[in-house]
PDB file of N, CA and C in Angstrom:
ATOM      1  N   MET A   1      88.534 104.645  97.453  1.00  0.00           N
ATOM      2  CA  MET A   1      88.694 103.724  98.567  1.00  0.00           C
ATOM      3  C   MET A   1      90.176 103.423  98.819  1.00  0.00           C
ATOM      4  N   ASP A   2      90.952 103.327  97.753  1.00  0.00           N
ATOM      5  CA  ASP A   2      92.381 103.063  97.917  1.00  0.00           C
ATOM      6  C   ASP A   2      93.077 104.207  98.641  1.00  0.00           C
ATOM      7  N   LEU A   3      92.630 105.429  98.368  1.00  0.00           N
ATOM      8  CA  LEU A   3      93.226 106.594  99.024  1.00  0.00           C
ATOM      9  C   LEU A   3      92.931 106.572 100.527  1.00  0.00           C
ATOM     10  N   ILE A   4      91.738 106.140 100.911  1.00  0.00           N
ATOM     11  CA  ILE A   4      91.393 106.037 102.338  1.00  0.00           C
ATOM     12  C   ILE A   4      92.315 105.016 103.012  1.00  0.00           C
ATOM     13  N   LYS A   5      92.542 103.886 102.375  1.00  0.00           N
ATOM     14  CA  LYS A   5      93.441 102.863 102.936  1.00  0.00           C
ATOM     15  C   LYS A   5      94.863 103.400 103.053  1.00  0.00           C
ATOM     16  N   LYS A   6      95.316 104.105 102.023  1.00  0.00           N
ATOM     17  CA  LYS A   6      96.665 104.680 102.049  1.00  0.00           C
ATOM     18  C   LYS A   6      96.801 105.678 103.190  1.00  0.00           C
ATOM     19  N   ASN A   7      95.807 106.550 103.337  1.00  0.00           N
ATOM     20  CA  ASN A   7      95.835 107.540 104.412  1.00  0.00           C
ATOM     21  C   ASN A   7      95.730 106.881 105.781  1.00  0.00           C
ATOM     22  N   SER A   8      94.947 105.819 105.883  1.00  0.00           N
ATOM     23  CA  SER A   8      94.836 105.079 107.148  1.00  0.00           C
ATOM     24  C   SER A   8      96.174 104.471 107.533  1.00  0.00           C
ATOM     25  N   ASN A   9      96.872 103.910 106.558  1.00  0.00           N
ATOM     26  CA  ASN A   9      98.194 103.332 106.824  1.00  0.00           C
ATOM     27  C   ASN A   9      99.193 104.404 107.225  1.00  0.00           C
ATOM     28  N   THR A  10      99.110 105.567 106.585  1.00  0.00           N
ATOM     29  CA  THR A  10      99.971 106.692 106.956  1.00  0.00           C
ATOM     30  C   THR A  10      99.728 107.077 108.412  1.00  0.00           C
ATOM     31  N   LEU A  11      98.463 107.171 108.778  1.00  0.00           N
ATOM     32  CA  LEU A  11      98.098 107.520 110.151  1.00  0.00           C
ATOM     33  C   LEU A  11      98.632 106.485 111.141  1.00  0.00           C
ATOM     34  N   LEU A  12      98.454 105.213 110.836  1.00  0.00           N
ATOM     35  CA  LEU A  12      98.935 104.149 111.725  1.00  0.00           C
ATOM     36  C   LEU A  12     100.450 104.201 111.911  1.00  0.00           C
ATOM     37  N   THR A  13     101.178 104.439 110.840  1.00  0.00           N
ATOM     38  CA  THR A  13     102.640 104.452 110.954  1.00  0.00           C
ATOM     39  C   THR A  13     103.144 105.666 111.719  1.00  0.00           C
ATOM     40  N   ARG A  14     102.390 106.741 111.721  1.00  0.00           N
ATOM     41  CA  ARG A  14     102.815 107.960 112.427  1.00  0.00           C
ATOM     42  C   ARG A  14     102.440 107.940 113.911  1.00  0.00           C
ATOM     43  N   MET A  15     101.445 107.147 114.258  1.00  0.00           N
ATOM     44  CA  MET A  15     101.035 107.075 115.672  1.00  0.00           C
ATOM     45  C   MET A  15     101.950 106.104 116.412  1.00  0.00           C
ATOM     46  N   CYS A  16     102.359 106.473 117.617  1.00  0.00           N
ATOM     47  CA  CYS A  16     103.187 105.607 118.458  1.00  0.00           C
ATOM     48  C   CYS A  16     102.306 104.928 119.495  1.00  0.00           C
ATOM     49  N   ALA A  17     102.561 103.649 119.727  1.00  0.00           N
ATOM     50  CA  ALA A  17     101.792 102.903 120.726  1.00  0.00           C
ATOM     51  C   ALA A  17     101.950 103.547 122.092  1.00  0.00           C
ATOM     52  N   GLY A  18     100.861 103.646 122.815  1.00  0.00           N
ATOM     53  CA  GLY A  18     100.890 104.203 124.158  1.00  0.00           C
ATOM     54  C   GLY A  18     100.748 105.714 124.208  1.00  0.00           C
ATOM     55  N   CYS A  19     100.755 106.366 123.050  1.00  0.00           N
ATOM     56  CA  CYS A  19     100.605 107.823 123.008  1.00  0.00           C
ATOM     57  C   CYS A  19      99.174 108.196 122.648  1.00  0.00           C
ATOM     58  N   LYS A  20      98.723 109.282 123.227  1.00  0.00           N
ATOM     59  CA  LYS A  20      97.384 109.793 122.952  1.00  0.00           C
ATOM     60  C   LYS A  20      97.519 111.031 122.080  1.00  0.00           C
ATOM     61  N   TYR A  21      96.621 111.170 121.128  1.00  0.00           N
ATOM     62  CA  TYR A  21      96.682 112.283 120.191  1.00  0.00           C
ATOM     63  C   TYR A  21      95.334 112.978 120.102  1.00  0.00           C
ATOM     64  N   THR A  22      95.362 114.293 120.018  1.00  0.00           N
ATOM     65  CA  THR A  22      94.145 115.034 119.709  1.00  0.00           C
ATOM     66  C   THR A  22      94.027 115.093 118.186  1.00  0.00           C
ATOM     67  N   TYR A  23      92.878 115.530 117.727  1.00  0.00           N
ATOM     68  CA  TYR A  23      92.645 115.658 116.293  1.00  0.00           C
ATOM     69  C   TYR A  23      93.662 116.617 115.667  1.00  0.00           C
ATOM     70  N   LYS A  24      93.895 117.738 116.310  1.00  0.00           N
ATOM     71  CA  LYS A  24      94.841 118.725 115.776  1.00  0.00           C
ATOM     72  C   LYS A  24      96.259 118.168 115.715  1.00  0.00           C
ATOM     73  N   GLU A  25      96.642 117.376 116.705  1.00  0.00           N
ATOM     74  CA  GLU A  25      97.973 116.765 116.674  1.00  0.00           C
ATOM     75  C   GLU A  25      98.092 115.790 115.504  1.00  0.00           C
ATOM     76  N   LEU A  26      97.028 115.020 115.268  1.00  0.00           N
ATOM     77  CA  LEU A  26      97.052 114.082 114.142  1.00  0.00           C
ATOM     78  C   LEU A  26      97.142 114.820 112.814  1.00  0.00           C
ATOM     79  N   LEU A  27      96.438 115.931 112.709  1.00  0.00           N
ATOM     80  CA  LEU A  27      96.531 116.746 111.490  1.00  0.00           C
ATOM     81  C   LEU A  27      97.980 117.182 111.246  1.00  0.00           C
ATOM     82  N   ARG A  28      98.635 117.594 112.300  1.00  0.00           N
ATOM     83  CA  ARG A  28     100.005 118.102 112.193  1.00  0.00           C
ATOM     84  C   ARG A  28     100.989 116.998 111.826  1.00  0.00           C
ATOM     85  N   ILE A  29     100.893 115.840 112.473  1.00  0.00           N
ATOM     86  CA  ILE A  29     101.895 114.796 112.241  1.00  0.00           C
ATOM     87  C   ILE A  29     101.679 114.025 110.941  1.00  0.00           C
ATOM     88  N   CYS A  30     100.441 114.006 110.433  1.00  0.00           N
ATOM     89  CA  CYS A  30     100.161 113.217 109.227  1.00  0.00           C
ATOM     90  C   CYS A  30     100.236 114.019 107.941  1.00  0.00           C
ATOM     91  N   GLY A  31     100.015 115.310 108.028  1.00  0.00           N
ATOM     92  CA  GLY A  31     100.037 116.117 106.823  1.00  0.00           C
ATOM     93  C   GLY A  31      98.862 115.871 105.891  1.00  0.00           C
ATOM     94  N   LEU A  32      97.773 115.324 106.417  1.00  0.00           N
ATOM     95  CA  LEU A  32      96.567 115.081 105.625  1.00  0.00           C
ATOM     96  C   LEU A  32      95.643 116.280 105.726  1.00  0.00           C
ATOM     97  N   THR A  33      94.707 116.380 104.786  1.00  0.00           N
ATOM     98  CA  THR A  33      93.676 117.408 104.904  1.00  0.00           C
ATOM     99  C   THR A  33      92.692 116.954 105.977  1.00  0.00           C
ATOM    100  N   GLU A  34      91.819 117.848 106.424  1.00  0.00           N
ATOM    101  CA  GLU A  34      90.843 117.479 107.446  1.00  0.00           C
ATOM    102  C   GLU A  34      89.928 116.359 106.963  1.00  0.00           C
ATOM    103  N   THR A  35      89.491 116.439 105.714  1.00  0.00           N
ATOM    104  CA  THR A  35      88.606 115.407 105.161  1.00  0.00           C
ATOM    105  C   THR A  35      89.326 114.067 105.086  1.00  0.00           C
ATOM    106  N   GLN A  36      90.563 114.066 104.606  1.00  0.00           N
ATOM    107  CA  GLN A  36      91.331 112.819 104.521  1.00  0.00           C
ATOM    108  C   GLN A  36      91.534 112.209 105.899  1.00  0.00           C
ATOM    109  N   LEU A  37      91.836 113.052 106.890  1.00  0.00           N
ATOM    110  CA  LEU A  37      92.048 112.553 108.248  1.00  0.00           C
ATOM    111  C   LEU A  37      90.762 111.977 108.824  1.00  0.00           C
ATOM    112  N   CYS A  38      89.643 112.638 108.597  1.00  0.00           N
ATOM    113  CA  CYS A  38      88.361 112.128 109.104  1.00  0.00           C
ATOM    114  C   CYS A  38      88.060 110.742 108.556  1.00  0.00           C
ATOM    115  N   PHE A  39      88.245 110.567 107.243  1.00  0.00           N
ATOM    116  CA  PHE A  39      87.989 109.259 106.642  1.00  0.00           C
ATOM    117  C   PHE A  39      88.980 108.211 107.146  1.00  0.00           C
ATOM    118  N   ALA A  40      90.227 108.590 107.335  1.00  0.00           N
ATOM    119  CA  ALA A  40      91.229 107.654 107.856  1.00  0.00           C
ATOM    120  C   ALA A  40      90.875 107.230 109.284  1.00  0.00           C
ATOM    121  N   ILE A  41      90.472 108.180 110.114  1.00  0.00           N
ATOM    122  CA  ILE A  41      90.085 107.872 111.496  1.00  0.00           C
ATOM    123  C   ILE A  41      88.865 106.956 111.506  1.00  0.00           C
ATOM    124  N   MET A  42      87.863 107.284 110.703  1.00  0.00           N
ATOM    125  CA  MET A  42      86.647 106.447 110.664  1.00  0.00           C
ATOM    126  C   MET A  42      86.980 105.021 110.231  1.00  0.00           C
ATOM    127  N   SER A  43      87.847 104.885 109.250  1.00  0.00           N
ATOM    128  CA  SER A  43      88.237 103.563 108.775  1.00  0.00           C
ATOM    129  C   SER A  43      88.944 102.768 109.868  1.00  0.00           C
ATOM    130  N   LEU A  44      89.887 103.409 110.555  1.00  0.00           N
ATOM    131  CA  LEU A  44      90.641 102.721 111.606  1.00  0.00           C
ATOM    132  C   LEU A  44      89.773 102.404 112.820  1.00  0.00           C
ATOM    133  N   LEU A  45      88.820 103.271 113.138  1.00  0.00           N
ATOM    134  CA  LEU A  45      87.879 102.976 114.226  1.00  0.00           C
ATOM    135  C   LEU A  45      87.035 101.756 113.870  1.00  0.00           C
ATOM    136  N   LYS A  46      86.560 101.721 112.635  1.00  0.00           N
ATOM    137  CA  LYS A  46      85.722 100.606 112.171  1.00  0.00           C
ATOM    138  C   LYS A  46      86.494  99.288 112.204  1.00  0.00           C
ATOM    139  N   GLU A  47      87.782  99.340 111.839  1.00  0.00           N
ATOM    140  CA  GLU A  47      88.622  98.139 111.829  1.00  0.00           C
ATOM    141  C   GLU A  47      89.106  97.746 113.226  1.00  0.00           C
ATOM    142  N   GLY A  48      88.860  98.596 114.214  1.00  0.00           N
ATOM    143  CA  GLY A  48      89.279  98.285 115.582  1.00  0.00           C
ATOM    144  C   GLY A  48      90.769  98.470 115.820  1.00  0.00           C
ATOM    145  N   LYS A  49      91.423  99.302 115.014  1.00  0.00           N
ATOM    146  CA  LYS A  49      92.866  99.515 115.168  1.00  0.00           C
ATOM    147  C   LYS A  49      93.200 100.699 116.072  1.00  0.00           C
ATOM    148  N   ILE A  50      92.272 101.633 116.221  1.00  0.00           N
ATOM    149  CA  ILE A  50      92.446 102.756 117.141  1.00  0.00           C
ATOM    150  C   ILE A  50      91.169 102.904 117.957  1.00  0.00           C
ATOM    151  N   CYS A  51      91.275 103.599 119.065  1.00  0.00           N
ATOM    152  CA  CYS A  51      90.088 103.900 119.861  1.00  0.00           C
ATOM    153  C   CYS A  51      89.998 105.418 120.039  1.00  0.00           C
ATOM    154  N   GLN A  52      88.800 105.848 120.327  1.00  0.00           N
ATOM    155  CA  GLN A  52      88.520 107.271 120.511  1.00  0.00           C
ATOM    156  C   GLN A  52      87.770 107.402 121.828  1.00  0.00           C
ATOM    157  N   TYR A  53      88.206 108.316 122.669  1.00  0.00           N
ATOM    158  CA  TYR A  53      87.500 108.563 123.923  1.00  0.00           C
ATOM    159  C   TYR A  53      87.769 109.980 124.384  1.00  0.00           C
ATOM    160  N   ARG A  54      87.076 110.379 125.409  1.00  0.00           N
ATOM    161  CA  ARG A  54      87.170 111.751 125.895  1.00  0.00           C
ATOM    162  C   ARG A  54      87.866 111.771 127.246  1.00  0.00           C
ATOM    163  N   GLU A  55      88.855 112.655 127.322  1.00  0.00           N
ATOM    164  CA  GLU A  55      89.458 113.013 128.606  1.00  0.00           C
ATOM    165  C   GLU A  55      89.023 114.463 128.810  1.00  0.00           C
ATOM    166  N   SER A  56      89.954 115.395 128.817  1.00  0.00           N
ATOM    167  CA  SER A  56      89.555 116.798 128.805  1.00  0.00           C
ATOM    168  C   SER A  56      89.127 117.181 127.382  1.00  0.00           C
ATOM    169  N   ARG A  57      89.644 116.436 126.395  1.00  0.00           N
ATOM    170  CA  ARG A  57      89.251 116.555 124.990  1.00  0.00           C
ATOM    171  C   ARG A  57      89.133 115.145 124.420  1.00  0.00           C
ATOM    172  N   VAL A  58      88.685 115.077 123.193  1.00  0.00           N
ATOM    173  CA  VAL A  58      88.645 113.782 122.518  1.00  0.00           C
ATOM    174  C   VAL A  58      90.069 113.415 122.125  1.00  0.00           C
ATOM    175  N   VAL A  59      90.457 112.180 122.430  1.00  0.00           N
ATOM    176  CA  VAL A  59      91.790 111.697 122.083  1.00  0.00           C
ATOM    177  C   VAL A  59      91.680 110.392 121.309  1.00  0.00           C
ATOM    178  N   TYR A  60      92.717 110.099 120.563  1.00  0.00           N
ATOM    179  CA  TYR A  60      92.804 108.875 119.763  1.00  0.00           C
ATOM    180  C   TYR A  60      94.054 108.118 120.201  1.00  0.00           C
ATOM    181  N   GLU A  61      93.937 106.786 120.240  1.00  0.00           N
ATOM    182  CA  GLU A  61      95.044 105.972 120.714  1.00  0.00           C
ATOM    183  C   GLU A  61      95.040 104.643 119.949  1.00  0.00           C
ATOM    184  N   LEU A  62      96.243 104.117 119.667  1.00  0.00           N
ATOM    185  CA  LEU A  62      96.350 102.806 119.031  1.00  0.00           C
ATOM    186  C   LEU A  62      95.851 101.728 119.978  1.00  0.00           C
ATOM    187  N   ILE A  63      95.228 100.712 119.431  1.00  0.00           N
ATOM    188  CA  ILE A  63      94.821  99.563 120.241  1.00  0.00           C
ATOM    189  C   ILE A  63      95.904  98.504 120.089  1.00  0.00           C
ATOM    190  N   PRO A  64      96.484  98.048 121.199  1.00  0.00           N
ATOM    191  CA  PRO A  64      97.574  97.059 121.119  1.00  0.00           C
ATOM    192  C   PRO A  64      97.086  95.705 120.633  1.00  0.00           C
TER     193      PRO A  64
END
């Protein structure tokens, strides 16, 4: 559980407010494995810190 929190914090610090990211972009900027990124995204979605929606693809964005 501590590793999920650590990875979630890493993800939050790498994301810039107002920017939209695809899953592949998040993989590239965070340096996490796919499994680690999935758990980090799920944790942040649950906490209401990021949102996920579909444009031409699924994108992730910080919630102000």
